[in-house]
Every structure is written in C-alpha cells, then in structure tokens.
Protein backbone atom coordinates (compact mmCIF):
# COMPACT_ATOMS: atom_id res chain seq x y z
CA MET A 1 0.04 0.03 -0.01
CA ASN A 2 1.44 3.32 -0.98
CA THR A 3 1.77 6.54 1.15
CA SER A 4 -1.26 8.33 -0.21
CA ALA A 5 -3.41 5.26 0.30
CA ILE A 6 -2.26 4.95 3.92
CA ALA A 7 -2.95 8.53 4.48
CA MET A 8 -6.50 8.25 2.97
CA THR A 9 -7.14 5.12 5.29
CA ALA A 10 -5.84 7.01 8.42
CA ALA A 11 -7.89 10.03 7.54
CA SER A 12 -11.13 7.83 7.29
CA THR A 13 -10.62 6.13 10.75
CA ASN A 14 -9.52 9.40 12.41
CA PRO A 15 -12.43 10.70 14.48
CA ALA A 16 -11.01 14.19 14.53
CA ALA A 17 -11.14 14.16 10.86
CA GLN A 18 -14.45 12.89 10.77
CA LYS A 19 -15.68 15.86 13.14
CA LYS A 20 -14.23 18.47 11.25
CA SER A 21 -15.02 17.64 7.60
CA PRO A 22 -18.79 18.25 7.74
CA VAL A 23 -19.03 21.59 9.45
CA LEU A 24 -18.84 23.71 6.39
CA PRO A 25 -21.66 21.79 4.61
CA ARG A 26 -23.90 22.03 7.52
CA ALA A 27 -23.22 25.81 7.78
CA LEU A 28 -23.99 26.13 4.36
CA TRP A 29 -27.20 23.92 4.25
CA GLY A 30 -28.37 26.26 7.22
CA LEU A 31 -28.14 29.37 5.01
CA LEU A 32 -29.52 27.79 1.91
CA LEU A 33 -33.48 28.16 2.71
CA PRO A 34 -32.97 31.96 3.98
CA LEU A 35 -30.75 32.91 0.96
CA THR A 36 -33.16 31.17 -1.61
CA VAL A 37 -36.19 33.07 0.02
CA LEU A 38 -34.34 36.37 -0.08
CA LEU A 39 -33.39 35.78 -3.80
CA LEU A 40 -36.96 34.84 -4.85
CA ALA A 41 -38.22 37.87 -3.07
CA GLU A 42 -35.73 40.09 -4.87
CA ILE A 43 -36.57 38.79 -8.31
CA SER A 44 -40.34 38.84 -7.47
CA VAL A 45 -40.24 42.66 -6.47
CA ARG A 46 -38.06 43.55 -9.27
CA PHE A 47 -40.18 42.04 -11.94
CA ALA A 48 -43.23 43.42 -10.41
CA LEU A 49 -44.63 40.09 -9.57
CA ILE A 50 -45.29 41.33 -6.08
CA PRO A 51 -46.07 45.05 -5.10
CA SER A 52 -43.04 46.85 -3.60
CA ASN A 53 -45.22 48.59 -1.21
CA LEU A 54 -46.30 45.17 0.41
CA LEU A 55 -43.09 43.46 0.06
CA PRO A 56 -39.97 45.62 -0.39
CA ALA A 57 -37.06 44.12 -1.92
CA PRO A 58 -34.44 42.74 0.27
CA SER A 59 -31.91 45.19 -1.05
CA GLU A 60 -34.30 47.96 -0.04
CA ILE A 61 -34.56 46.58 3.52
CA VAL A 62 -30.66 46.56 3.80
CA GLY A 63 -30.77 50.20 2.83
CA THR A 64 -33.30 50.84 5.46
CA LEU A 65 -31.37 48.94 8.04
CA LEU A 66 -28.22 51.27 7.07
CA TYR A 67 -30.53 54.19 7.35
CA LEU A 68 -31.74 53.07 10.74
CA TRP A 69 -28.19 52.40 12.00
CA GLN A 70 -27.41 55.89 11.58
CA HIS A 71 -30.37 57.05 13.39
CA ASP A 72 -30.25 55.16 16.84
CA LEU A 73 -30.84 51.61 15.85
CA LEU A 74 -28.39 50.44 18.48
CA SER A 75 -30.27 52.26 21.03
CA HIS A 76 -33.50 50.38 20.20
CA ILE A 77 -31.60 47.12 20.11
CA GLY A 78 -30.17 47.90 23.39
CA PHE A 79 -33.41 48.60 24.95
CA SER A 80 -35.15 45.64 23.75
CA SER A 81 -32.11 43.25 24.47
CA ALA A 82 -32.00 44.72 27.99
CA ARG A 83 -35.83 44.33 28.65
CA VAL A 84 -35.57 40.58 27.41
CA ALA A 85 -32.52 39.90 29.50
CA ALA A 86 -34.03 41.21 32.69
CA GLY A 87 -37.53 39.93 32.24
CA PHE A 88 -35.99 36.40 31.40
CA VAL A 89 -33.87 36.24 34.47
CA ILE A 90 -36.75 37.31 36.78
CA GLY A 91 -39.21 34.83 35.22
CA ALA A 92 -36.55 32.03 35.11
CA VAL A 93 -35.43 32.44 38.72
CA LEU A 94 -39.03 32.28 39.76
CA ALA A 95 -39.92 29.28 37.59
CA ILE A 96 -36.83 27.06 38.70
CA THR A 97 -37.66 28.09 42.48
CA THR A 98 -41.59 27.28 42.09
CA GLY A 99 -41.11 24.23 39.78
CA SER A 100 -38.73 22.67 42.23
CA MET A 101 -41.09 23.07 45.11
CA VAL A 102 -44.19 21.87 43.16
CA ALA A 103 -42.26 18.76 41.62
CA LEU A 104 -41.24 17.75 45.19
CA SER A 105 -44.41 18.11 47.02
CA GLY A 106 -47.77 16.81 46.09
CA ARG A 107 -49.73 19.20 48.21
CA LEU A 108 -48.15 22.23 46.36
CA GLU A 109 -48.86 20.63 43.07
CA ALA A 110 -52.45 20.15 44.03
CA LEU A 111 -52.71 23.80 45.13
CA LEU A 112 -50.70 25.69 42.45
CA ASP A 113 -50.51 23.77 39.16
CA PRO A 114 -54.16 24.01 38.03
CA SER A 115 -53.81 27.73 38.27
CA PHE A 116 -50.57 27.70 36.50
CA GLN A 117 -52.15 25.69 33.66
CA ALA A 118 -54.72 28.04 33.54
CA LEU A 119 -52.74 31.25 33.44
CA ARG A 120 -50.44 29.68 30.82
CA ALA A 121 -53.22 29.68 28.14
CA ILE A 122 -53.92 33.40 28.47
CA PRO A 123 -52.31 35.27 25.42
CA SER A 124 -49.49 37.79 25.83
CA LEU A 125 -51.65 40.66 24.55
CA ALA A 126 -54.63 39.83 27.11
CA TRP A 127 -52.13 40.90 29.96
CA VAL A 128 -51.24 44.19 28.42
CA PRO A 129 -54.26 46.15 29.50
CA LEU A 130 -54.35 44.83 33.15
CA LEU A 131 -50.58 45.44 33.49
CA LEU A 132 -50.93 48.93 32.27
CA LEU A 133 -53.80 49.65 34.68
CA TRP A 134 -51.75 48.11 37.49
CA LEU A 135 -48.47 49.33 36.78
CA GLY A 136 -48.66 52.39 34.40
CA ILE A 137 -46.67 52.88 31.11
CA ASP A 138 -43.09 52.60 32.64
CA GLU A 139 -40.62 49.90 32.40
CA ALA A 140 -42.46 47.80 35.36
CA PRO A 141 -45.22 46.36 33.02
CA LYS A 142 -43.04 45.57 30.19
CA LEU A 143 -40.58 43.56 32.51
CA VAL A 144 -43.42 41.79 34.02
CA LEU A 145 -45.05 40.60 30.88
CA ILE A 146 -41.60 39.24 29.50
CA ALA A 147 -41.24 37.61 32.92
CA ILE A 148 -44.58 35.90 32.59
CA GLY A 149 -43.80 34.74 29.13
CA ALA A 150 -40.40 33.13 30.19
CA PHE A 151 -41.74 31.60 33.31
CA PHE A 152 -44.29 29.06 32.07
CA PRO A 153 -42.02 27.11 29.72
CA VAL A 154 -39.29 27.04 32.25
CA TYR A 155 -41.76 26.08 35.02
CA MET A 156 -42.79 23.20 32.84
CA GLY A 157 -39.37 22.04 32.02
CA VAL A 158 -38.42 22.16 35.67
CA VAL A 159 -41.39 19.99 36.97
CA SER A 160 -41.15 17.43 34.20
CA GLY A 161 -37.57 17.20 34.56
CA ILE A 162 -37.48 16.47 38.30
CA ARG A 163 -40.51 14.24 38.02
CA GLY A 164 -38.66 12.34 35.23
CA VAL A 165 -35.68 11.57 37.51
CA ASP A 166 -34.82 7.95 37.72
CA ARG A 167 -36.14 6.52 41.14
CA ARG A 168 -32.87 4.45 41.63
CA LEU A 169 -30.96 7.73 41.86
CA THR A 170 -33.39 9.08 44.53
CA GLU A 171 -33.03 5.73 46.67
CA VAL A 172 -29.29 6.31 46.38
CA GLY A 173 -29.72 9.55 48.00
CA LYS A 174 -31.94 8.08 50.72
CA LEU A 175 -29.50 5.40 51.33
CA TYR A 176 -26.91 8.11 52.08
CA ARG A 177 -29.47 9.93 54.13
CA LEU A 178 -29.36 13.18 52.27
CA THR A 179 -31.35 16.05 53.52
CA PRO A 180 -34.15 17.22 51.06
CA TYR A 181 -31.99 20.38 50.06
CA ALA A 182 -28.88 18.19 49.33
CA MET A 183 -31.04 15.67 47.56
CA THR A 184 -32.35 18.43 45.29
CA ARG A 185 -28.87 19.98 44.72
CA ARG A 186 -26.90 16.96 44.21
CA ILE A 187 -29.23 14.66 42.54
CA LEU A 188 -32.49 15.95 41.31
CA LEU A 189 -31.44 19.10 39.70
CA PRO A 190 -28.48 17.68 38.01
CA ALA A 191 -30.52 14.64 36.62
CA ALA A 192 -33.55 17.09 35.50
CA LEU A 193 -30.83 19.41 33.84
CA PRO A 194 -31.59 18.43 30.04
CA ALA A 195 -35.26 19.18 30.71
CA ILE A 196 -34.57 22.46 32.41
CA LEU A 197 -32.39 23.51 29.87
CA THR A 198 -34.88 22.92 27.16
CA GLY A 199 -37.36 24.78 29.17
CA LEU A 200 -34.98 27.66 29.44
CA ARG A 201 -34.50 27.65 25.52
CA ASN A 202 -38.14 27.86 25.16
CA GLY A 203 -38.61 30.45 27.79
CA LEU A 204 -36.00 32.74 26.00
CA SER A 205 -37.81 32.53 22.87
CA LEU A 206 -41.17 33.35 24.50
CA ALA A 207 -39.45 36.19 26.30
CA TRP A 208 -38.67 37.83 22.83
CA MET A 209 -42.06 37.21 21.71
CA PHE A 210 -43.72 38.84 24.99
CA MET A 211 -41.23 41.70 24.65
CA VAL A 212 -42.84 42.64 21.17
CA ALA A 213 -46.11 42.50 22.79
CA ALA A 214 -44.87 44.82 25.52
CA GLU A 215 -43.22 47.27 23.38
CA LEU A 216 -46.09 47.43 20.80
CA ILE A 217 -48.10 49.74 23.40
CA ALA A 218 -46.71 52.63 25.39
CA ALA A 219 -43.06 52.40 24.18
CA SER A 220 -40.86 55.00 22.73
CA GLN A 221 -38.01 52.88 22.27
CA GLY A 222 -37.17 49.16 21.12
CA LEU A 223 -37.82 46.88 18.10
CA GLY A 224 -41.50 46.79 18.98
CA TYR A 225 -41.75 50.56 18.77
CA LEU A 226 -40.26 50.36 15.23
CA LEU A 227 -42.81 47.81 14.16
CA THR A 228 -45.44 50.26 15.38
CA ASP A 229 -43.85 53.26 13.81
CA GLY A 230 -43.55 51.31 10.43
CA ARG A 231 -47.29 50.27 10.74
CA GLU A 232 -48.56 53.80 11.52
CA THR A 233 -46.40 55.43 8.71
CA SER A 234 -47.21 52.66 6.20
CA ARG A 235 -43.40 51.66 5.96
CA ALA A 236 -43.20 48.09 5.08
CA ASP A 237 -39.60 48.21 4.96
CA ILE A 238 -39.18 49.37 8.64
CA VAL A 239 -41.50 46.53 9.56
CA LEU A 240 -39.82 43.89 7.80
CA ALA A 241 -36.45 45.33 8.83
CA ALA A 242 -37.44 45.05 12.64
CA ILE A 243 -38.84 41.71 12.07
CA ALA A 244 -35.33 40.64 10.47
CA LEU A 245 -33.63 42.23 13.51
CA LEU A 246 -35.96 40.25 15.84
CA ALA A 247 -35.24 36.85 14.00
CA LEU A 248 -31.47 37.49 14.13
CA LEU A 249 -31.38 38.44 17.68
CA GLY A 250 -33.40 35.40 18.62
CA LYS A 251 -31.28 33.25 16.85
CA ILE A 252 -28.22 34.41 18.47
CA SER A 253 -29.56 34.15 21.86
CA ASP A 254 -30.98 30.69 21.19
CA TRP A 255 -27.46 29.74 19.92
CA GLY A 256 -25.75 31.11 23.22
CA MET A 257 -28.14 28.98 25.13
CA GLN A 258 -27.59 26.03 22.72
CA GLN A 259 -23.88 26.33 23.32
CA LEU A 260 -24.43 26.46 27.22
CA GLU A 261 -26.64 23.32 26.91
CA HIS A 262 -23.90 21.46 24.93
CA ARG A 263 -21.27 22.44 27.64
CA LEU A 264 -23.23 21.42 30.54
CA LEU A 265 -24.49 18.36 28.85
CA SER A 266 -21.17 17.23 27.29
CA TRP A 267 -21.19 14.09 29.44
CA ARG A 268 -24.19 12.72 27.65
CA ASP A 269 -23.68 10.00 25.08
CA THR A 270 -26.44 11.78 22.91
CA TYR A 271 -24.65 15.03 22.90
CA GLN A 272 -21.19 13.39 22.12
CA THR A 273 -22.89 11.90 19.09
CA GLU A 274 -24.34 15.20 18.06
CA GLY A 275 -21.12 16.97 18.41
CA ALA A 276 -19.61 14.22 16.20
CA SER A 277 -21.93 14.79 13.51
CA ALA A 278 -22.03 18.53 13.79
C-alpha cells in the first residue's frame, strides 16, 4: 500500500477528521433556505410580480437598516435586549424555584399547578391592559410581561425534569441520608438538567415574543416601537427590517443557550454523538 493510500485510510478512521469535515456543509445548508427566499423575493419585486409597497425588495430593506443604523438603531436594539434579559432572568429564577417546590410536594402541586396551567393559556396581549392599569406605562409592566412569558416554559421544564428523574437515583440519595436540600442540589437538579435547559431555551424564545407585545403599546424605544412606527407610517420596509432584527437576535440568543446546553451536557452520549456529526 502506497503512502497516499495509507494517509486516506488514516483520515477515514481518524475521529477528529470525521468531526471537522462536515462543519462547512452543515453551515451552508443552514443558509440555503433563507438565501433562496431572499433571492426569490428580490426577483419577484424587481419583475413586479409582488407590489413593492407590500413586500419591499431585500436590497431596499438592507438600505433601511443602514439608514436606521445612522439614526439610533443600536439604542432600539439595546433597549429591547435589556428588557428581554431582565424579564427572562426574573421569570426563570421564579420558575426554577416554584417548579422545584411543586415537583417535590404533592400538596403544592394540587394547590398551584391547576392555576398555573390556566394562566399559561392566556395570550400575551391579554395581559397588556391589566398590567397598564396596575403598573402604569413605565418599564415595570414591560418587564413583568416578559417575565410571565419566560416563566411557564421554564416551570414546565423543571417540573417534568424532576418528575422524570430515575427513582434509583433518589433511592441512592436516601441510602446516604441526604437532606431534602442536598437531594435536590446533588441529585434531582443535575438529573433534570436536560429538561430544565430545554425549558430555558423555550422560555427565552417566548421572552422575545412577549417583549414585542410589551413594546407595541406605550413604548418610545425598542424594536416593538419600530414595528408600530412602520405600521403607522405605512413603511413596510421598517416593519420587515424590525422583524429581521428580531429573528437575528432571537437566533443569536438561542445559539448562546444551545452552546451552554452542549457544555453542561457534554457528559451525555447523545450530545457526544451530536457533536461528532455537527
């Protein structure tokens, strides 16, 4: 066997080489759909297949983004991101605390869970009038609304995760006579971590959605305000530019949560397999 054949055989059996080779194609596949949609939209508008007042060309939206960049776009992004971060932290902390107690206590579950399931079904816009009446038009109702949006997915993840812990693990904890606090910290929460992290990712995405509902009313800064401004001035390019920014920011924040998830769950065989195929 010659040298080149040996090198090819070694590369095919080398796990590191197998991990690195598909990275670029996967990234390109992820960009294929949005780039195709943008290209079709550009062609449709240029050839007057779609009215430009209803769907501006992507090139026009890029020009709008550049114009907004020169007129406090970073301020709008900063206000929205800060509201999402603060509301998400508040909602997630409350959800992890409450969900842990409900999952560990049948009485608390009977007391709280039916009400939480009913409140979870209330749409985001239904909370807006009530929060405005109670808290006014400052930052408080916006943060509370975002916290509500983040609370329920995280709560569901915590409860389902703790309830799904293998009974044998809890029996080991009882064998070592762990206190309820130690049992929760050392066994239940680590074992429930996959479900909790999934709940956190879902809660973060809902926090962005509830942020838009919060900023659509009584806001003078933020991406939700840009959506309202574009609607009132019949500027579809501003509306689509704000939507594109929301999609980008949501994807970036979800990517950050995904990286945290992979890091914290790197001990799982499933994540090792995903990493090898990623």
